[in-house]
Amino acid sequence: MFGSKKKLNDLMEQLRPDLSRESLGVGTNFPGVAPNPVLSGEARKRNAELRNGTLALGVLVDWREVNSNPRVVLMLDVETADGVSFRGIADESLTITALTRLAPGQTLPVRYRPAVMDHYVALAPDADPVDVQQLSDLIASRKRT
């Protein structure tokens, strides 16, 4: 309907250079930020998979406001229980209150898809605090050794 996916990603990078792969700090394999994830079947499927994804911890690097919902793209340095580190991108709709609480360096629980590893993550506000603490302890013990 709107042409090829490559043209759409190129258009997004022209309209919003701050959302380009280079600006977000991800590689060329990153599929890109959807102009409107609600209208994208692929984005809805990805978000459903992420809600059931594996728990990890992300340290907030930066964020970009996409529109006035407020929809934001969060850039996080993610560490998994398996010791894998990567730059994760979370495309989230936050309340104004949650948006004002964002601070670089803040550690947040996230979910990711280990089988895909496409840089997409989702915030996990529903994560059990005990599981988050155990994951945090595991990552901290790995860093000490």
Protein backbone atom coordinates (compact mmCIF):
# COMPACT_ATOMS: atom_id res chain seq x y z
CA MET A 1 0.00 0.00 0.00
CA PHE A 2 2.73 2.50 0.95
CA GLY A 3 5.53 1.01 -1.13
CA SER A 4 8.50 -1.02 -0.06
CA LYS A 5 9.64 -1.34 3.54
CA LYS A 6 13.05 0.08 2.57
CA LYS A 7 11.45 3.24 1.18
CA LEU A 8 9.40 3.63 4.37
CA ASN A 9 12.50 3.27 6.56
CA ASP A 10 14.39 5.75 4.35
CA LEU A 11 11.48 8.18 4.64
CA MET A 12 11.46 7.85 8.45
CA GLU A 13 15.20 8.57 8.55
CA GLN A 14 14.70 11.67 6.40
CA LEU A 15 11.77 12.95 8.47
CA ARG A 16 13.29 12.09 11.84
CA PRO A 17 17.11 11.81 11.62
CA ASP A 18 17.15 11.48 15.43
CA LEU A 19 15.44 8.09 14.96
CA SER A 20 17.95 6.79 12.41
CA ARG A 21 19.90 3.61 13.12
CA GLU A 22 23.09 5.65 13.64
CA SER A 23 21.45 8.09 16.07
CA LEU A 24 19.94 5.24 18.08
CA GLY A 25 23.26 3.39 18.22
CA VAL A 26 22.04 0.17 16.61
CA GLY A 27 23.39 -1.74 13.64
CA THR A 28 22.05 -2.12 10.13
CA ASN A 29 20.03 -5.21 11.16
CA PHE A 30 17.66 -3.04 13.21
CA PRO A 31 14.35 -2.92 11.32
CA GLY A 32 13.65 0.67 12.32
CA VAL A 33 11.03 2.60 14.26
CA ALA A 34 7.53 2.32 12.81
CA PRO A 35 5.83 5.66 12.05
CA ASN A 36 2.69 4.34 13.78
CA PRO A 37 3.08 0.95 15.48
CA VAL A 38 -0.68 0.69 16.07
CA LEU A 39 -1.25 0.52 12.31
CA SER A 40 1.53 -2.00 11.70
CA GLY A 41 0.55 -5.66 12.03
CA GLU A 42 4.22 -6.57 12.34
CA ALA A 43 4.68 -4.12 15.22
CA ARG A 44 1.56 -5.42 17.03
CA LYS A 45 2.87 -9.00 16.70
CA ARG A 46 6.33 -7.96 17.94
CA ASN A 47 4.85 -6.13 20.95
CA ALA A 48 2.75 -9.19 21.87
CA GLU A 49 5.85 -11.39 21.71
CA LEU A 50 7.84 -8.92 23.81
CA ARG A 51 5.19 -8.91 26.55
CA ASN A 52 5.95 -12.63 27.00
CA GLY A 53 9.70 -12.24 26.43
CA THR A 54 12.65 -13.03 28.65
CA LEU A 55 13.48 -10.67 31.50
CA ALA A 56 16.66 -8.56 31.32
CA LEU A 57 17.90 -5.29 32.79
CA GLY A 58 18.32 -2.12 30.76
CA VAL A 59 20.20 1.02 31.72
CA LEU A 60 18.56 4.07 30.18
CA VAL A 61 20.93 5.89 27.83
CA ASP A 62 18.59 8.42 26.21
CA TRP A 63 15.12 8.80 24.78
CA ARG A 64 13.39 10.56 21.90
CA GLU A 65 9.82 11.76 21.95
CA VAL A 66 8.04 10.59 18.79
CA ASN A 67 4.72 12.41 19.14
CA SER A 68 2.47 13.91 21.76
CA ASN A 69 0.85 10.71 23.13
CA PRO A 70 3.59 10.82 24.59
CA ARG A 71 5.15 8.04 22.59
CA VAL A 72 8.87 7.73 23.21
CA VAL A 73 11.70 5.63 21.90
CA LEU A 74 13.95 4.63 24.79
CA MET A 75 17.57 3.64 24.18
CA LEU A 76 18.85 1.18 26.77
CA ASP A 77 22.08 -0.75 27.28
CA VAL A 78 20.64 -4.19 28.01
CA GLU A 79 22.26 -7.04 29.93
CA THR A 80 20.73 -10.50 29.95
CA ALA A 81 20.97 -13.34 32.43
CA ASP A 82 23.14 -15.17 29.87
CA GLY A 83 25.73 -12.38 29.87
CA VAL A 84 24.76 -10.91 26.50
CA SER A 85 24.90 -7.12 26.20
CA PHE A 86 23.30 -5.06 23.45
CA ARG A 87 21.73 -1.68 22.69
CA GLY A 88 17.99 -2.11 23.09
CA ILE A 89 15.24 0.11 21.72
CA ALA A 90 11.85 0.28 23.46
CA ASP A 91 8.97 1.98 21.64
CA GLU A 92 6.59 2.90 24.45
CA SER A 93 3.58 5.07 25.21
CA LEU A 94 4.13 6.62 28.62
CA THR A 95 2.14 8.88 30.85
CA ILE A 96 3.44 12.40 31.40
CA THR A 97 4.29 11.40 34.97
CA ALA A 98 6.36 8.41 33.83
CA LEU A 99 8.06 10.56 31.20
CA THR A 100 9.14 13.14 33.79
CA ARG A 101 10.69 10.36 35.91
CA LEU A 102 13.03 9.17 33.15
CA ALA A 103 16.70 9.80 33.91
CA PRO A 104 19.83 8.59 32.10
CA GLY A 105 21.54 5.84 34.08
CA GLN A 106 18.25 4.57 35.49
CA THR A 107 18.00 0.74 35.53
CA LEU A 108 14.71 -0.65 34.26
CA PRO A 109 13.44 -4.21 33.85
CA VAL A 110 12.84 -5.05 30.18
CA ARG A 111 11.77 -8.04 28.12
CA TYR A 112 13.44 -9.17 24.92
CA ARG A 113 13.19 -12.03 22.41
CA PRO A 114 16.38 -14.15 22.61
CA ALA A 115 15.51 -16.05 19.42
CA VAL A 116 15.25 -12.84 17.38
CA MET A 117 17.79 -10.40 18.92
CA ASP A 118 16.67 -7.48 16.74
CA HIS A 119 17.38 -4.72 19.31
CA TYR A 120 13.69 -4.42 20.23
CA VAL A 121 12.85 -4.59 23.93
CA ALA A 122 9.79 -3.62 25.97
CA LEU A 123 9.59 -2.19 29.45
CA ALA A 124 8.46 -4.77 31.99
CA PRO A 125 6.58 -2.85 34.69
CA ASP A 126 4.74 -6.06 35.58
CA ALA A 127 7.97 -7.96 36.38
CA ASP A 128 8.09 -9.59 39.79
CA PRO A 129 10.45 -7.53 42.01
CA VAL A 130 11.99 -10.75 43.37
CA ASP A 131 12.88 -11.89 39.83
CA VAL A 132 14.32 -8.46 39.01
CA GLN A 133 16.46 -8.52 42.18
CA GLN A 134 17.73 -12.03 41.42
CA LEU A 135 18.64 -10.98 37.89
CA SER A 136 20.37 -7.86 39.20
CA ASP A 137 22.37 -9.94 41.70
CA LEU A 138 23.37 -12.41 38.95
CA ILE A 139 24.59 -9.63 36.66
CA ALA A 140 26.43 -7.90 39.52
CA SER A 141 28.18 -11.14 40.55
CA ARG A 142 29.30 -11.72 36.96
CA LYS A 143 30.83 -8.23 36.82
CA ARG A 144 32.81 -8.80 40.05
CA THR A 145 34.55 -11.89 38.69
